[in-house]
Amino acid sequence: MTAVLSLGSNLGDRAAHLAAALDMLAAEFRIVAVSAIYETAPVGVTDQPAFLNIVALVDSNDADALLDAAHRAEEARGRLRGRRWGPRTLDVDVVNIDGVRSDEPRLTLPHPRAHERAFVLLPWAELDPDAELPGHGRVAALLCGLDQSDVQRWRA
């Protein structure tokens, strides 16, 4: 099964946090593909630095193990869980796992706000132009209805 992960960072060495997270995830799962890096404006709480975001496709049929690995990567990179949607060194979200649906408090699948987030959908569409977000439709079609002006390919 293929899982879609969204990774973001807006504190410290943002690119290093993303690279380290990928290394940590690769120690436990096969990473199939990784998008380009995008620099994006913050969502929700806007008085914070811009984010770097990527999407990774990962082989996994175990949502709990994947979520645990994501949380370990966040913790290893110094993530502090303070203000919701506030600044963070690393954020790793499980967006989708082959259309599996879950309403568990620990992990809702697909991610409940992915369909509203160009910083998730744009890099995902880059990796899989035919991708579908369960319950919402094709990722490419969802992107057509979103403002993408604050999501730009990052040039280091």
Protein backbone atom coordinates (compact mmCIF):
# COMPACT_ATOMS: atom_id res chain seq x y z
CA MET A 1 0.00 0.00 0.00
CA THR A 2 1.16 3.53 -0.66
CA ALA A 3 0.91 6.21 1.98
CA VAL A 4 0.98 9.93 1.25
CA LEU A 5 2.87 11.99 3.82
CA SER A 6 3.02 15.77 4.00
CA LEU A 7 6.10 17.19 5.71
CA GLY A 8 6.64 20.82 6.67
CA SER A 9 9.03 22.99 8.64
CA ASN A 10 9.22 26.72 9.38
CA LEU A 11 11.77 26.96 12.19
CA GLY A 12 15.54 26.60 12.12
CA ASP A 13 17.19 24.91 9.15
CA ARG A 14 13.94 24.00 7.44
CA ALA A 15 15.51 21.96 4.63
CA ALA A 16 17.67 20.00 7.09
CA HIS A 17 14.60 19.13 9.18
CA LEU A 18 12.84 17.77 6.08
CA ALA A 19 15.89 15.79 4.96
CA ALA A 20 16.40 14.32 8.44
CA ALA A 21 12.74 13.29 8.62
CA LEU A 22 13.03 11.50 5.27
CA ASP A 23 16.16 9.69 6.50
CA MET A 24 14.37 8.59 9.68
CA LEU A 25 11.32 7.40 7.76
CA ALA A 26 13.51 5.58 5.23
CA ALA A 27 15.04 3.57 8.06
CA GLU A 28 11.63 1.93 8.59
CA PHE A 29 9.76 2.25 5.29
CA ARG A 30 10.56 2.26 1.59
CA ILE A 31 10.18 5.78 0.25
CA VAL A 32 8.79 5.54 -3.26
CA ALA A 33 9.02 9.21 -4.30
CA VAL A 34 9.59 12.68 -2.87
CA SER A 35 8.31 15.92 -4.38
CA ALA A 36 10.25 19.08 -4.96
CA ILE A 37 10.42 21.45 -2.00
CA TYR A 38 7.83 24.21 -1.93
CA GLU A 39 7.93 27.39 0.12
CA THR A 40 4.51 28.27 1.42
CA ALA A 41 2.78 30.92 3.46
CA PRO A 42 1.55 29.73 6.86
CA VAL A 43 -2.11 28.70 7.19
CA GLY A 44 -4.27 29.51 10.20
CA VAL A 45 -1.74 31.43 12.26
CA THR A 46 -0.14 33.81 9.78
CA ASP A 47 2.27 35.73 12.04
CA GLN A 48 5.08 33.21 11.63
CA PRO A 49 7.82 32.34 9.13
CA ALA A 50 7.12 30.69 5.79
CA PHE A 51 7.16 26.91 5.59
CA LEU A 52 9.08 24.52 3.43
CA ASN A 53 6.83 21.62 2.42
CA ILE A 54 7.23 18.33 0.60
CA VAL A 55 5.11 15.27 -0.03
CA ALA A 56 6.53 11.76 0.15
CA LEU A 57 4.99 8.53 -1.09
CA VAL A 58 5.87 5.66 1.23
CA ASP A 59 5.20 1.92 1.11
CA SER A 60 3.23 1.03 4.23
CA ASN A 61 0.20 -1.00 5.15
CA ASP A 62 0.41 -0.09 8.83
CA ALA A 63 -1.08 3.32 9.58
CA ASP A 64 -0.22 3.13 13.28
CA ALA A 65 3.43 2.29 12.63
CA LEU A 66 3.66 5.10 10.10
CA LEU A 67 2.11 7.61 12.49
CA ASP A 68 4.45 6.48 15.28
CA ALA A 69 7.45 6.94 12.97
CA ALA A 70 6.18 10.40 11.99
CA HIS A 71 5.89 11.40 15.65
CA ARG A 72 9.38 10.06 16.42
CA ALA A 73 10.80 12.13 13.56
CA GLU A 74 9.02 15.26 14.84
CA GLU A 75 10.30 14.68 18.36
CA ALA A 76 13.85 14.00 17.17
CA ARG A 77 13.84 17.36 15.35
CA GLY A 78 12.72 19.23 18.45
CA ARG A 79 9.03 19.70 17.72
CA LEU A 80 7.18 21.31 20.58
CA ARG A 81 3.41 21.01 20.49
CA GLY A 82 2.22 24.44 21.52
CA ARG A 83 -0.19 26.66 19.69
CA ARG A 84 -2.33 24.89 17.08
CA TRP A 85 -1.06 25.69 13.58
CA GLY A 86 1.83 27.56 15.19
CA PRO A 87 5.49 27.49 14.17
CA ARG A 88 7.31 24.15 14.27
CA THR A 89 10.60 22.56 13.41
CA LEU A 90 8.86 19.61 11.79
CA ASP A 91 5.33 18.52 11.05
CA VAL A 92 4.63 15.13 9.45
CA ASP A 93 1.03 14.34 8.53
CA VAL A 94 -0.33 11.06 7.19
CA VAL A 95 -2.62 12.30 4.42
CA ASN A 96 -3.84 9.10 2.79
CA ILE A 97 -3.10 5.38 2.70
CA ASP A 98 -4.54 3.83 -0.47
CA GLY A 99 -8.02 5.14 0.22
CA VAL A 100 -8.29 3.67 3.73
CA ARG A 101 -10.83 5.54 5.81
CA SER A 102 -10.49 6.03 9.55
CA ASP A 103 -12.31 8.25 12.02
CA GLU A 104 -10.12 7.23 14.94
CA PRO A 105 -9.16 10.14 17.21
CA ARG A 106 -5.48 9.23 16.83
CA LEU A 107 -5.50 9.21 13.03
CA THR A 108 -8.24 10.44 10.71
CA LEU A 109 -7.87 9.22 7.13
CA PRO A 110 -7.84 10.79 4.73
CA HIS A 111 -6.47 13.88 6.43
CA PRO A 112 -9.54 16.04 7.15
CA ARG A 113 -8.14 19.28 5.69
CA ALA A 114 -5.94 17.96 2.85
CA HIS A 115 -8.52 18.91 0.22
CA GLU A 116 -8.18 22.58 1.30
CA ARG A 117 -4.40 22.75 1.27
CA ALA A 118 -2.53 23.62 -1.90
CA PHE A 119 0.76 23.00 -0.06
CA VAL A 120 -0.27 19.32 0.19
CA LEU A 121 -2.08 18.87 -3.12
CA LEU A 122 0.42 20.60 -5.42
CA PRO A 123 3.43 18.45 -4.47
CA TRP A 124 1.22 15.34 -4.37
CA ALA A 125 -0.03 16.03 -7.91
CA GLU A 126 3.59 16.46 -8.99
CA LEU A 127 4.29 12.90 -7.85
CA ASP A 128 1.02 11.34 -9.00
CA PRO A 129 -1.00 13.38 -11.54
CA ASP A 130 -3.85 10.85 -11.33
CA ALA A 131 -4.05 10.78 -7.52
CA GLU A 132 -7.41 10.82 -5.80
CA LEU A 133 -8.27 12.01 -2.33
CA PRO A 134 -11.03 9.72 -1.05
CA GLY A 135 -14.31 11.53 -0.58
CA HIS A 136 -13.11 14.59 -2.47
CA GLY A 137 -12.03 13.48 -5.94
CA ARG A 138 -8.98 13.94 -8.11
CA VAL A 139 -6.16 15.94 -6.58
CA ALA A 140 -5.62 17.87 -9.84
CA ALA A 141 -9.28 18.93 -9.89
CA LEU A 142 -9.16 20.00 -6.24
CA LEU A 143 -6.14 22.17 -7.02
CA CYS A 144 -8.09 24.03 -9.68
CA GLY A 145 -10.37 25.41 -6.97
CA LEU A 146 -7.58 26.57 -4.66
CA ASP A 147 -5.41 29.67 -4.54
CA GLN A 148 -1.89 28.43 -5.29
CA SER A 149 -0.19 31.83 -5.27
CA ASP A 150 1.41 31.23 -1.85
CA VAL A 151 2.93 27.87 -2.89
CA GLN A 152 6.15 28.31 -4.87
CA ARG A 153 8.93 25.89 -5.77
CA TRP A 154 11.78 26.63 -3.39
CA ARG A 155 15.14 27.60 -4.73
CA ALA A 156 17.75 27.31 -2.00
